[in-house]
Amino acid sequence: AFNMGLFDKLLGKTNKKQSGMIPATKKEHEEEWDFYFSNVND
């Protein structure tokens, strides 16, 4: 928790995050889109 009063469980599931295009699929699950950066083939 930071001093501004917000805290988040860091080992829980992420919140639903719309950070780009969310496709209109036939839902077989609850979509939960998020992004991150990684090293891919250097």
PDB file of all heavy atoms in Angstrom:
ATOM      1  N   ALA A   1       0.849  -1.196   0.000  1.00  0.00           N
ATOM      2  CA  ALA A   1       0.000   0.000   0.000  1.00  0.00           C
ATOM      3  C   ALA A   1       0.877   1.235   0.000  1.00  0.00           C
ATOM      4  O   ALA A   1       1.867   1.306   0.724  1.00  0.00           O
ATOM      5  CB  ALA A   1      -0.910   0.008   1.220  1.00  0.00           C
ATOM      6  N   PHE A   2       0.502   2.212  -0.838  1.00  0.00           N
ATOM      7  CA  PHE A   2       1.201   3.487  -0.851  1.00  0.00           C
ATOM      8  C   PHE A   2       0.461   4.473   0.043  1.00  0.00           C
ATOM      9  O   PHE A   2      -0.695   4.276   0.386  1.00  0.00           O
ATOM     10  CB  PHE A   2       1.302   4.024  -2.281  1.00  0.00           C
ATOM     11  CG  PHE A   2       1.998   3.073  -3.210  1.00  0.00           C
ATOM     12  CD1 PHE A   2       1.303   2.430  -4.228  1.00  0.00           C
ATOM     13  CD2 PHE A   2       3.337   2.797  -3.048  1.00  0.00           C
ATOM     14  CE1 PHE A   2       1.947   1.548  -5.070  1.00  0.00           C
ATOM     15  CE2 PHE A   2       3.986   1.915  -3.889  1.00  0.00           C
ATOM     16  CZ  PHE A   2       3.288   1.292  -4.904  1.00  0.00           C
ATOM     17  N   ASN A   3       1.120   5.550   0.375  1.00  0.00           N
ATOM     18  CA  ASN A   3       0.572   6.482   1.359  1.00  0.00           C
ATOM     19  C   ASN A   3      -0.641   7.246   0.843  1.00  0.00           C
ATOM     20  O   ASN A   3      -1.300   7.951   1.603  1.00  0.00           O
ATOM     21  CB  ASN A   3       1.662   7.472   1.783  1.00  0.00           C
ATOM     22  CG  ASN A   3       1.355   8.110   3.113  1.00  0.00           C
ATOM     23  OD1 ASN A   3       0.696   7.527   3.941  1.00  0.00           O
ATOM     24  ND2 ASN A   3       1.856   9.314   3.303  1.00  0.00           N
ATOM     25  N   MET A   4      -0.940   7.110  -0.476  1.00  0.00           N
ATOM     26  CA  MET A   4      -2.114   7.792  -1.020  1.00  0.00           C
ATOM     27  C   MET A   4      -3.391   7.011  -0.745  1.00  0.00           C
ATOM     28  O   MET A   4      -4.471   7.393  -1.160  1.00  0.00           O
ATOM     29  CB  MET A   4      -1.949   7.995  -2.530  1.00  0.00           C
ATOM     30  CG  MET A   4      -0.841   8.951  -2.909  1.00  0.00           C
ATOM     31  SD  MET A   4      -1.204  10.635  -2.421  1.00  0.00           S
ATOM     32  CE  MET A   4      -2.494  11.031  -3.605  1.00  0.00           C
ATOM     33  N   GLY A   5      -3.279   5.860  -0.077  1.00  0.00           N
ATOM     34  CA  GLY A   5      -4.466   5.162   0.364  1.00  0.00           C
ATOM     35  C   GLY A   5      -4.907   4.013  -0.512  1.00  0.00           C
ATOM     36  O   GLY A   5      -5.927   3.392  -0.245  1.00  0.00           O
ATOM     37  N   LEU A   6      -4.163   3.685  -1.560  1.00  0.00           N
ATOM     38  CA  LEU A   6      -4.564   2.605  -2.448  1.00  0.00           C
ATOM     39  C   LEU A   6      -3.673   1.405  -2.221  1.00  0.00           C
ATOM     40  O   LEU A   6      -2.472   1.531  -2.082  1.00  0.00           O
ATOM     41  CB  LEU A   6      -4.434   3.044  -3.911  1.00  0.00           C
ATOM     42  CG  LEU A   6      -4.796   1.974  -4.925  1.00  0.00           C
ATOM     43  CD1 LEU A   6      -6.303   1.768  -4.971  1.00  0.00           C
ATOM     44  CD2 LEU A   6      -4.290   2.341  -6.303  1.00  0.00           C
ATOM     45  N   PHE A   7      -4.254   0.211  -2.137  1.00  0.00           N
ATOM     46  CA  PHE A   7      -3.421  -0.980  -2.112  1.00  0.00           C
ATOM     47  C   PHE A   7      -4.048  -2.061  -2.964  1.00  0.00           C
ATOM     48  O   PHE A   7      -5.224  -2.032  -3.265  1.00  0.00           O
ATOM     49  CB  PHE A   7      -3.166  -1.477  -0.689  1.00  0.00           C
ATOM     50  CG  PHE A   7      -4.378  -2.038   0.004  1.00  0.00           C
ATOM     51  CD1 PHE A   7      -4.669  -3.382  -0.079  1.00  0.00           C
ATOM     52  CD2 PHE A   7      -5.195  -1.210   0.739  1.00  0.00           C
ATOM     53  CE1 PHE A   7      -5.766  -3.902   0.563  1.00  0.00           C
ATOM     54  CE2 PHE A   7      -6.306  -1.736   1.385  1.00  0.00           C
ATOM     55  CZ  PHE A   7      -6.596  -3.079   1.301  1.00  0.00           C
ATOM     56  N   ASP A   8      -3.229  -3.015  -3.356  1.00  0.00           N
ATOM     57  CA  ASP A   8      -3.668  -4.014  -4.314  1.00  0.00           C
ATOM     58  C   ASP A   8      -3.008  -5.334  -3.986  1.00  0.00           C
ATOM     59  O   ASP A   8      -1.826  -5.350  -3.648  1.00  0.00           O
ATOM     60  CB  ASP A   8      -3.261  -3.573  -5.734  1.00  0.00           C
ATOM     61  CG  ASP A   8      -4.054  -4.324  -6.785  1.00  0.00           C
ATOM     62  OD1 ASP A   8      -5.104  -4.889  -6.465  1.00  0.00           O
ATOM     63  OD2 ASP A   8      -3.588  -4.347  -7.930  1.00  0.00           O
ATOM     64  N   LYS A   9      -3.737  -6.428  -4.059  1.00  0.00           N
ATOM     65  CA  LYS A   9      -3.119  -7.730  -3.829  1.00  0.00           C
ATOM     66  C   LYS A   9      -2.254  -8.096  -5.023  1.00  0.00           C
ATOM     67  O   LYS A   9      -2.736  -8.231  -6.135  1.00  0.00           O
ATOM     68  CB  LYS A   9      -4.193  -8.796  -3.615  1.00  0.00           C
ATOM     69  CG  LYS A   9      -4.721  -8.818  -2.192  1.00  0.00           C
ATOM     70  CD  LYS A   9      -5.484 -10.083  -1.904  1.00  0.00           C
ATOM     71  CE  LYS A   9      -5.842 -10.153  -0.435  1.00  0.00           C
ATOM     72  NZ  LYS A   9      -6.542 -11.411  -0.103  1.00  0.00           N
ATOM     73  N   LEU A  10      -0.981  -8.259  -4.743  1.00  0.00           N
ATOM     74  CA  LEU A  10      -0.047  -8.436  -5.834  1.00  0.00           C
ATOM     75  C   LEU A  10       0.015  -9.859  -6.350  1.00  0.00           C
ATOM     76  O   LEU A  10       0.580 -10.108  -7.405  1.00  0.00           O
ATOM     77  CB  LEU A  10       1.346  -7.991  -5.393  1.00  0.00           C
ATOM     78  CG  LEU A  10       1.431  -6.491  -5.114  1.00  0.00           C
ATOM     79  CD1 LEU A  10       2.820  -6.135  -4.660  1.00  0.00           C
ATOM     80  CD2 LEU A  10       1.039  -5.696  -6.321  1.00  0.00           C
ATOM     81  N   LEU A  11      -0.550 -10.803  -5.639  1.00  0.00           N
ATOM     82  CA  LEU A  11      -0.572 -12.166  -6.147  1.00  0.00           C
ATOM     83  C   LEU A  11      -1.962 -12.580  -6.576  1.00  0.00           C
ATOM     84  O   LEU A  11      -2.188 -13.730  -6.934  1.00  0.00           O
ATOM     85  CB  LEU A  11      -0.049 -13.149  -5.085  1.00  0.00           C
ATOM     86  CG  LEU A  11       1.441 -13.086  -4.835  1.00  0.00           C
ATOM     87  CD1 LEU A  11       1.838 -14.166  -3.844  1.00  0.00           C
ATOM     88  CD2 LEU A  11       2.232 -13.233  -6.110  1.00  0.00           C
ATOM     89  N   GLY A  12      -2.890 -11.646  -6.600  1.00  0.00           N
ATOM     90  CA  GLY A  12      -4.242 -11.953  -7.046  1.00  0.00           C
ATOM     91  C   GLY A  12      -4.359 -11.799  -8.539  1.00  0.00           C
ATOM     92  O   GLY A  12      -3.387 -11.560  -9.247  1.00  0.00           O
ATOM     93  N   LYS A  13      -5.603 -11.890  -9.044  1.00  0.00           N
ATOM     94  CA  LYS A  13      -5.826 -11.691 -10.465  1.00  0.00           C
ATOM     95  C   LYS A  13      -5.788 -10.210 -10.767  1.00  0.00           C
ATOM     96  O   LYS A  13      -6.091  -9.375  -9.931  1.00  0.00           O
ATOM     97  CB  LYS A  13      -7.190 -12.266 -10.874  1.00  0.00           C
ATOM     98  CG  LYS A  13      -7.223 -13.784 -10.855  1.00  0.00           C
ATOM     99  CD  LYS A  13      -8.600 -14.292 -11.137  1.00  0.00           C
ATOM    100  CE  LYS A  13      -9.033 -13.912 -12.542  1.00  0.00           C
ATOM    101  NZ  LYS A  13      -8.214 -14.489 -13.592  1.00  0.00           N
ATOM    102  N   THR A  14      -5.456  -9.865 -11.983  1.00  0.00           N
ATOM    103  CA  THR A  14      -5.486  -8.477 -12.382  1.00  0.00           C
ATOM    104  C   THR A  14      -6.923  -8.022 -12.550  1.00  0.00           C
ATOM    105  O   THR A  14      -7.825  -8.803 -12.771  1.00  0.00           O
ATOM    106  CB  THR A  14      -4.774  -8.287 -13.739  1.00  0.00           C
ATOM    107  OG1 THR A  14      -5.415  -9.114 -14.707  1.00  0.00           O
ATOM    108  CG2 THR A  14      -3.326  -8.624 -13.637  1.00  0.00           C
ATOM    109  N   ASN A  15      -7.119  -6.705 -12.468  1.00  0.00           N
ATOM    110  CA  ASN A  15      -8.411  -6.153 -12.808  1.00  0.00           C
ATOM    111  C   ASN A  15      -8.593  -6.222 -14.311  1.00  0.00           C
ATOM    112  O   ASN A  15      -7.634  -6.283 -15.073  1.00  0.00           O
ATOM    113  CB  ASN A  15      -8.488  -4.687 -12.365  1.00  0.00           C
ATOM    114  CG  ASN A  15      -8.370  -4.556 -10.870  1.00  0.00           C
ATOM    115  OD1 ASN A  15      -8.874  -5.398 -10.143  1.00  0.00           O
ATOM    116  ND2 ASN A  15      -7.696  -3.516 -10.416  1.00  0.00           N
ATOM    117  N   LYS A  16      -9.863  -6.178 -14.763  1.00  0.00           N
ATOM    118  CA  LYS A  16     -10.080  -6.150 -16.210  1.00  0.00           C
ATOM    119  C   LYS A  16      -9.475  -4.866 -16.746  1.00  0.00           C
ATOM    120  O   LYS A  16      -9.741  -3.776 -16.284  1.00  0.00           O
ATOM    121  CB  LYS A  16     -11.567  -6.203 -16.518  1.00  0.00           C
ATOM    122  CG  LYS A  16     -12.195  -7.530 -16.152  1.00  0.00           C
ATOM    123  CD  LYS A  16     -13.662  -7.540 -16.435  1.00  0.00           C
ATOM    124  CE  LYS A  16     -13.921  -7.548 -17.918  1.00  0.00           C
ATOM    125  NZ  LYS A  16     -15.352  -7.608 -18.234  1.00  0.00           N
ATOM    126  N   LYS A  17      -8.669  -4.989 -17.783  1.00  0.00           N
ATOM    127  CA  LYS A  17      -7.885  -3.859 -18.241  1.00  0.00           C
ATOM    128  C   LYS A  17      -8.060  -3.707 -19.738  1.00  0.00           C
ATOM    129  O   LYS A  17      -7.723  -4.591 -20.506  1.00  0.00           O
ATOM    130  CB  LYS A  17      -6.409  -4.097 -17.909  1.00  0.00           C
ATOM    131  CG  LYS A  17      -5.488  -2.975 -18.306  1.00  0.00           C
ATOM    132  CD  LYS A  17      -5.572  -1.852 -17.316  1.00  0.00           C
ATOM    133  CE  LYS A  17      -4.571  -0.758 -17.642  1.00  0.00           C
ATOM    134  NZ  LYS A  17      -4.722   0.381 -16.780  1.00  0.00           N
ATOM    135  N   GLN A  18      -8.566  -2.583 -20.161  1.00  0.00           N
ATOM    136  CA  GLN A  18      -8.739  -2.349 -21.584  1.00  0.00           C
ATOM    137  C   GLN A  18      -7.644  -1.416 -22.046  1.00  0.00           C
ATOM    138  O   GLN A  18      -7.766  -0.210 -21.983  1.00  0.00           O
ATOM    139  CB  GLN A  18     -10.126  -1.759 -21.864  1.00  0.00           C
ATOM    140  CG  GLN A  18     -11.242  -2.731 -21.543  1.00  0.00           C
ATOM    141  CD  GLN A  18     -12.570  -2.270 -22.080  1.00  0.00           C
ATOM    142  OE1 GLN A  18     -12.641  -1.268 -22.790  1.00  0.00           O
ATOM    143  NE2 GLN A  18     -13.616  -2.972 -21.750  1.00  0.00           N
ATOM    144  N   SER A  19      -6.553  -1.996 -22.502  1.00  0.00           N
ATOM    145  CA  SER A  19      -5.400  -1.198 -22.915  1.00  0.00           C
ATOM    146  C   SER A  19      -5.152  -1.358 -24.405  1.00  0.00           C
ATOM    147  O   SER A  19      -4.055  -1.296 -24.889  1.00  0.00           O
ATOM    148  CB  SER A  19      -4.168  -1.628 -22.123  1.00  0.00           C
ATOM    149  OG  SER A  19      -3.989  -3.015 -22.210  1.00  0.00           O
ATOM    150  N   GLY A  20      -6.193  -1.565 -25.147  1.00  0.00           N
ATOM    151  CA  GLY A  20      -6.065  -1.717 -26.591  1.00  0.00           C
ATOM    152  C   GLY A  20      -7.352  -2.281 -27.131  1.00  0.00           C
ATOM    153  O   GLY A  20      -8.407  -2.173 -26.522  1.00  0.00           O
ATOM    154  N   MET A  21      -7.279  -2.884 -28.270  1.00  0.00           N
ATOM    155  CA  MET A  21      -8.453  -3.422 -28.911  1.00  0.00           C
ATOM    156  C   MET A  21      -8.938  -4.670 -28.185  1.00  0.00           C
ATOM    157  O   MET A  21      -8.189  -5.577 -27.907  1.00  0.00           O
ATOM    158  CB  MET A  21      -8.103  -3.749 -30.370  1.00  0.00           C
ATOM    159  CG  MET A  21      -9.264  -4.151 -31.239  1.00  0.00           C
ATOM    160  SD  MET A  21      -9.720  -5.868 -31.043  1.00  0.00           S
ATOM    161  CE  MET A  21      -8.174  -6.657 -31.338  1.00  0.00           C
ATOM    162  N   ILE A  22     -10.231  -4.709 -27.843  1.00  0.00           N
ATOM    163  CA  ILE A  22     -10.828  -5.876 -27.211  1.00  0.00           C
ATOM    164  C   ILE A  22     -11.762  -6.514 -28.210  1.00  0.00           C
ATOM    165  O   ILE A  22     -12.764  -5.923 -28.596  1.00  0.00           O
ATOM    166  CB  ILE A  22     -11.606  -5.491 -25.938  1.00  0.00           C
ATOM    167  CG1 ILE A  22     -10.693  -4.725 -24.979  1.00  0.00           C
ATOM    168  CG2 ILE A  22     -12.182  -6.722 -25.275  1.00  0.00           C
ATOM    169  CD1 ILE A  22      -9.516  -5.518 -24.482  1.00  0.00           C
ATOM    170  N   PRO A  23     -11.467  -7.708 -28.701  1.00  0.00           N
ATOM    171  CA  PRO A  23     -12.281  -8.313 -29.744  1.00  0.00           C
ATOM    172  C   PRO A  23     -13.640  -8.756 -29.232  1.00  0.00           C
ATOM    173  O   PRO A  23     -13.783  -9.163 -28.088  1.00  0.00           O
ATOM    174  CB  PRO A  23     -11.454  -9.533 -30.171  1.00  0.00           C
ATOM    175  CG  PRO A  23     -10.674  -9.882 -28.954  1.00  0.00           C
ATOM    176  CD  PRO A  23     -10.357  -8.570 -28.283  1.00  0.00           C
ATOM    177  N   ALA A  24     -14.633  -8.663 -30.106  1.00  0.00           N
ATOM    178  CA  ALA A  24     -15.989  -9.085 -29.757  1.00  0.00           C
ATOM    179  C   ALA A  24     -16.134 -10.572 -30.032  1.00  0.00           C
ATOM    180  O   ALA A  24     -16.693 -10.993 -31.047  1.00  0.00           O
ATOM    181  CB  ALA A  24     -17.008  -8.283 -30.554  1.00  0.00           C
ATOM    182  N   THR A  25     -15.603 -11.398 -29.157  1.00  0.00           N
ATOM    183  CA  THR A  25     -15.635 -12.837 -29.348  1.00  0.00           C
ATOM    184  C   THR A  25     -16.894 -13.419 -28.737  1.00  0.00           C
ATOM    185  O   THR A  25     -17.547 -12.802 -27.903  1.00  0.00           O
ATOM    186  CB  THR A  25     -14.423 -13.508 -28.666  1.00  0.00           C
ATOM    187  OG1 THR A  25     -14.534 -13.322 -27.264  1.00  0.00           O
ATOM    188  CG2 THR A  25     -13.122 -12.937 -29.166  1.00  0.00           C
ATOM    189  N   LYS A  26     -17.222 -14.630 -29.146  1.00  0.00           N
ATOM    190  CA  LYS A  26     -18.241 -15.391 -28.440  1.00  0.00           C
ATOM    191  C   LYS A  26     -17.610 -15.811 -27.129  1.00  0.00           C
ATOM    192  O   LYS A  26     -16.671 -16.580 -27.084  1.00  0.00           O
ATOM    193  CB  LYS A  26     -18.644 -16.617 -29.260  1.00  0.00           C
ATOM    194  CG  LYS A  26     -19.677 -17.491 -28.548  1.00  0.00           C
ATOM    195  CD  LYS A  26     -19.994 -18.703 -29.386  1.00  0.00           C
ATOM    196  CE  LYS A  26     -20.981 -19.607 -28.651  1.00  0.00           C
ATOM    197  NZ  LYS A  26     -21.283 -20.834 -29.435  1.00  0.00           N
ATOM    198  N   LYS A  27     -18.139 -15.317 -26.008  1.00  0.00           N
ATOM    199  CA  LYS A  27     -17.454 -15.463 -24.730  1.00  0.00           C
ATOM    200  C   LYS A  27     -17.535 -16.886 -24.204  1.00  0.00           C
ATOM    201  O   LYS A  27     -18.603 -17.421 -23.990  1.00  0.00           O
ATOM    202  CB  LYS A  27     -18.025 -14.490 -23.712  1.00  0.00           C
ATOM    203  CG  LYS A  27     -17.627 -13.050 -23.974  1.00  0.00           C
ATOM    204  CD  LYS A  27     -17.970 -12.165 -22.787  1.00  0.00           C
ATOM    205  CE  LYS A  27     -17.452 -10.751 -23.009  1.00  0.00           C
ATOM    206  NZ  LYS A  27     -17.750  -9.887 -21.849  1.00  0.00           N
ATOM    207  N   GLU A  28     -16.391 -17.495 -24.028  1.00  0.00           N
ATOM    208  CA  GLU A  28     -16.282 -18.751 -23.313  1.00  0.00           C
ATOM    209  C   GLU A  28     -15.649 -18.518 -21.948  1.00  0.00           C
ATOM    210  O   GLU A  28     -15.495 -19.432 -21.163  1.00  0.00           O
ATOM    211  CB  GLU A  28     -15.441 -19.749 -24.110  1.00  0.00           C
ATOM    212  CG  GLU A  28     -16.082 -20.136 -25.441  1.00  0.00           C
ATOM    213  CD  GLU A  28     -15.256 -21.155 -26.201  1.00  0.00           C
ATOM    214  OE1 GLU A  28     -14.066 -21.313 -25.852  1.00  0.00           O
ATOM    215  OE2 GLU A  28     -15.783 -21.781 -27.111  1.00  0.00           O
ATOM    216  N   HIS A  29     -15.277 -17.270 -21.672  1.00  0.00           N
ATOM    217  CA  HIS A  29     -14.616 -16.910 -20.433  1.00  0.00           C
ATOM    218  C   HIS A  29     -14.756 -15.408 -20.240  1.00  0.00           C
ATOM    219  O   HIS A  29     -15.195 -14.694 -21.135  1.00  0.00           O
ATOM    220  CB  HIS A  29     -13.129 -17.292 -20.509  1.00  0.00           C
ATOM    221  CG  HIS A  29     -12.390 -16.525 -21.558  1.00  0.00           C
ATOM    222  ND1 HIS A  29     -12.467 -16.846 -22.902  1.00  0.00           N
ATOM    223  CD2 HIS A  29     -11.582 -15.433 -21.490  1.00  0.00           C
ATOM    224  CE1 HIS A  29     -11.732 -15.992 -23.598  1.00  0.00           C
ATOM    225  NE2 HIS A  29     -11.189 -15.130 -22.769  1.00  0.00           N
ATOM    226  N   GLU A  30     -14.361 -14.927 -19.088  1.00  0.00           N
ATOM    227  CA  GLU A  30     -14.358 -13.488 -18.823  1.00  0.00           C
ATOM    228  C   GLU A  30     -13.025 -12.914 -19.297  1.00  0.00           C
ATOM    229  O   GLU A  30     -11.974 -13.236 -18.754  1.00  0.00           O
ATOM    230  CB  GLU A  30     -14.553 -13.217 -17.332  1.00  0.00           C
ATOM    231  CG  GLU A  30     -14.657 -11.738 -17.008  1.00  0.00           C
ATOM    232  CD  GLU A  30     -14.959 -11.488 -15.546  1.00  0.00           C
ATOM    233  OE1 GLU A  30     -15.192 -12.477 -14.819  1.00  0.00           O
ATOM    234  OE2 GLU A  30     -14.937 -10.308 -15.129  1.00  0.00           O
ATOM    235  N   GLU A  31     -13.080 -12.079 -20.312  1.00  0.00           N
ATOM    236  CA  GLU A  31     -11.852 -11.524 -20.884  1.00  0.00           C
ATOM    237  C   GLU A  31     -11.175 -10.573 -19.906  1.00  0.00           C
ATOM    238  O   GLU A  31     -11.827  -9.838 -19.174  1.00  0.00           O
ATOM    239  CB  GLU A  31     -12.177 -10.806 -22.191  1.00  0.00           C
ATOM    240  CG  GLU A  31     -12.673 -11.750 -23.274  1.00  0.00           C
ATOM    241  CD  GLU A  31     -13.116 -11.015 -24.522  1.00  0.00           C
ATOM    242  OE1 GLU A  31     -12.987  -9.768 -24.547  1.00  0.00           O
ATOM    243  OE2 GLU A  31     -13.590 -11.672 -25.461  1.00  0.00           O
ATOM    244  N   GLU A  32      -9.873 -10.606 -19.920  1.00  0.00           N
ATOM    245  CA  GLU A  32      -9.073  -9.817 -18.981  1.00  0.00           C
ATOM    246  C   GLU A  32      -7.778  -9.398 -19.686  1.00  0.00           C
ATOM    247  O   GLU A  32      -6.719  -9.976 -19.492  1.00  0.00           O
ATOM    248  CB  GLU A  32      -8.772 -10.658 -17.737  1.00  0.00           C
ATOM    249  CG  GLU A  32      -8.190  -9.890 -16.584  1.00  0.00           C
ATOM    250  CD  GLU A  32      -7.956 -10.788 -15.381  1.00  0.00           C
ATOM    251  OE1 GLU A  32      -8.640 -11.823 -15.253  1.00  0.00           O
ATOM    252  OE2 GLU A  32      -7.070 -10.464 -14.578  1.00  0.00           O
ATOM    253  N   TRP A  33      -7.891  -8.377 -20.510  1.00  0.00           N
ATOM    254  CA  TRP A  33      -6.765  -7.974 -21.360  1.00  0.00           C
ATOM    255  C   TRP A  33      -5.814  -7.062 -20.599  1.00  0.00           C
ATOM    256  O   TRP A  33      -6.214  -6.150 -19.898  1.00  0.00           O
ATOM    257  CB  TRP A  33      -7.281  -7.275 -22.607  1.00  0.00           C
ATOM    258  CG  TRP A  33      -7.978  -8.213 -23.540  1.00  0.00           C
ATOM    259  CD1 TRP A  33      -9.295  -8.580 -23.512  1.00  0.00           C
ATOM    260  CD2 TRP A  33      -7.379  -8.943 -24.613  1.00  0.00           C
ATOM    261  NE1 TRP A  33      -9.546  -9.497 -24.512  1.00  0.00           N
ATOM    262  CE2 TRP A  33      -8.397  -9.735 -25.206  1.00  0.00           C
ATOM    263  CE3 TRP A  33      -6.087  -9.006 -25.131  1.00  0.00           C
ATOM    264  CZ2 TRP A  33      -8.154 -10.575 -26.289  1.00  0.00           C
ATOM    265  CZ3 TRP A  33      -5.847  -9.828 -26.222  1.00  0.00           C
ATOM    266  CH2 TRP A  33      -6.865 -10.597 -26.787  1.00  0.00           C
ATOM    267  N   ASP A  34      -4.526  -7.328 -20.783  1.00  0.00           N
ATOM    268  CA  ASP A  34      -3.504  -6.490 -20.168  1.00  0.00           C
ATOM    269  C   ASP A  34      -2.232  -6.586 -21.009  1.00  0.00           C
ATOM    270  O   ASP A  34      -2.116  -7.446 -21.885  1.00  0.00           O
ATOM    271  CB  ASP A  34      -3.225  -6.915 -18.729  1.00  0.00           C
ATOM    272  CG  ASP A  34      -2.958  -5.722 -17.826  1.00  0.00           C
ATOM    273  OD1 ASP A  34      -2.261  -4.787 -18.272  1.00  0.00           O
ATOM    274  OD2 ASP A  34      -3.453  -5.717 -16.693  1.00  0.00           O
ATOM    275  N   PHE A  35      -1.292  -5.704 -20.732  1.00  0.00           N
ATOM    276  CA  PHE A  35      -0.048  -5.693 -21.510  1.00  0.00           C
ATOM    277  C   PHE A  35       1.155  -5.665 -20.583  1.00  0.00           C
ATOM    278  O   PHE A  35       1.069  -5.272 -19.420  1.00  0.00           O
ATOM    279  CB  PHE A  35      -0.018  -4.490 -22.463  1.00  0.00           C
ATOM    280  CG  PHE A  35       0.204  -3.178 -21.776  1.00  0.00           C
ATOM    281  CD1 PHE A  35       1.487  -2.653 -21.620  1.00  0.00           C
ATOM    282  CD2 PHE A  35      -0.868  -2.448 -21.269  1.00  0.00           C
ATOM    283  CE1 PHE A  35       1.691  -1.440 -20.979  1.00  0.00           C
ATOM    284  CE2 PHE A  35      -0.671  -1.236 -20.625  1.00  0.00           C
ATOM    285  CZ  PHE A  35       0.609  -0.729 -20.483  1.00  0.00           C
ATOM    286  N   TYR A  36       2.273  -6.088 -21.125  1.00  0.00           N
ATOM    287  CA  TYR A  36       3.538  -5.994 -20.405  1.00  0.00           C
ATOM    288  C   TYR A  36       4.672  -6.066 -21.421  1.00  0.00           C
ATOM    289  O   TYR A  36       4.454  -6.379 -22.596  1.00  0.00           O
ATOM    290  CB  TYR A  36       3.675  -7.114 -19.368  1.00  0.00           C
ATOM    291  CG  TYR A  36       3.803  -8.514 -19.933  1.00  0.00           C
ATOM    292  CD1 TYR A  36       5.060  -9.117 -20.067  1.00  0.00           C
ATOM    293  CD2 TYR A  36       2.686  -9.245 -20.339  1.00  0.00           C
ATOM    294  CE1 TYR A  36       5.192 -10.395 -20.576  1.00  0.00           C
ATOM    295  CE2 TYR A  36       2.810 -10.518 -20.853  1.00  0.00           C
ATOM    296  CZ  TYR A  36       4.064 -11.097 -20.970  1.00  0.00           C
ATOM    297  OH  TYR A  36       4.192 -12.363 -21.483  1.00  0.00           O
ATOM    298  N   PHE A  37       5.878  -5.740 -20.980  1.00  0.00           N
ATOM    299  CA  PHE A  37       7.052  -5.763 -21.846  1.00  0.00           C
ATOM    300  C   PHE A  37       7.962  -6.918 -21.443  1.00  0.00           C
ATOM    301  O   PHE A  37       8.039  -7.293 -20.279  1.00  0.00           O
ATOM    302  CB  PHE A  37       7.811  -4.440 -21.762  1.00  0.00           C
ATOM    303  CG  PHE A  37       7.026  -3.258 -22.265  1.00  0.00           C
ATOM    304  CD1 PHE A  37       6.326  -2.451 -21.383  1.00  0.00           C
ATOM    305  CD2 PHE A  37       6.969  -2.975 -23.617  1.00  0.00           C
ATOM    306  CE1 PHE A  37       5.589  -1.377 -21.841  1.00  0.00           C
ATOM    307  CE2 PHE A  37       6.233  -1.902 -24.088  1.00  0.00           C
ATOM    308  CZ  PHE A  37       5.543  -1.102 -23.195  1.00  0.00           C
ATOM    309  N   SER A  38       8.660  -7.467 -22.431  1.00  0.00           N
ATOM    310  CA  SER A  38       9.543  -8.592 -22.175  1.00  0.00           C
ATOM    311  C   SER A  38      10.648  -8.618 -23.214  1.00  0.00           C
ATOM    312  O   SER A  38      10.560  -7.968 -24.261  1.00  0.00           O
ATOM    313  CB  SER A  38       8.741  -9.905 -22.228  1.00  0.00           C
ATOM    314  OG  SER A  38       9.568 -11.007 -21.906  1.00  0.00           O
ATOM    315  N   ASN A  39      11.695  -9.366 -22.909  1.00  0.00           N
ATOM    316  CA  ASN A  39      12.751  -9.607 -23.875  1.00  0.00           C
ATOM    317  C   ASN A  39      12.362 -10.826 -24.713  1.00  0.00           C
ATOM    318  O   ASN A  39      12.135 -11.908 -24.175  1.00  0.00           O
ATOM    319  CB  ASN A  39      14.082  -9.861 -23.143  1.00  0.00           C
ATOM    320  CG  ASN A  39      15.246 -10.048 -24.093  1.00  0.00           C
ATOM    321  OD1 ASN A  39      15.250 -10.947 -24.925  1.00  0.00           O
ATOM    322  ND2 ASN A  39      16.255  -9.208 -23.961  1.00  0.00           N
ATOM    323  N   VAL A  40      12.270 -10.637 -26.025  1.00  0.00           N
ATOM    324  CA  VAL A  40      11.876 -11.717 -26.929  1.00  0.00           C
ATOM    325  C   VAL A  40      12.966 -11.876 -27.983  1.00  0.00           C
ATOM    326  O   VAL A  40      13.161 -11.005 -28.829  1.00  0.00           O
ATOM    327  CB  VAL A  40      10.526 -11.423 -27.607  1.00  0.00           C
ATOM    328  CG1 VAL A  40      10.136 -12.568 -28.543  1.00  0.00           C
ATOM    329  CG2 VAL A  40       9.438 -11.200 -26.566  1.00  0.00           C
ATOM    330  N   ASN A  41      13.701 -12.971 -27.903  1.00  0.00           N
ATOM    331  CA  ASN A  41      14.798 -13.214 -28.848  1.00  0.00           C
ATOM    332  C   ASN A  41      15.767 -12.036 -28.892  1.00  0.00           C
ATOM    333  O   ASN A  41      16.171 -11.575 -29.968  1.00  0.00           O
ATOM    334  CB  ASN A  41      14.252 -13.511 -30.244  1.00  0.00           C
ATOM    335  CG  ASN A  41      13.418 -14.771 -30.285  1.00  0.00           C
ATOM    336  OD1 ASN A  41      13.713 -15.750 -29.593  1.00  0.00           O
ATOM    337  ND2 ASN A  41      12.360 -14.762 -31.092  1.00  0.00           N
ATOM    338  N   ASP A  42      16.108 -11.532 -27.710  1.00  0.00           N
ATOM    339  CA  ASP A  42      17.056 -10.426 -27.552  1.00  0.00           C
ATOM    340  C   ASP A  42      16.542  -9.105 -28.104  1.00  0.00           C
ATOM    341  O   ASP A  42      17.324  -8.180 -28.361  1.00  0.00           O
ATOM    342  CB  ASP A  42      18.402 -10.762 -28.220  1.00  0.00           C
ATOM    343  CG  ASP A  42      19.110 -11.919 -27.538  1.00  0.00           C
ATOM    344  OD1 ASP A  42      18.998 -12.033 -26.305  1.00  0.00           O
ATOM    345  OD2 ASP A  42      19.751 -12.724 -28.244  1.00  0.00           O
TER     346      ASP A  42
END
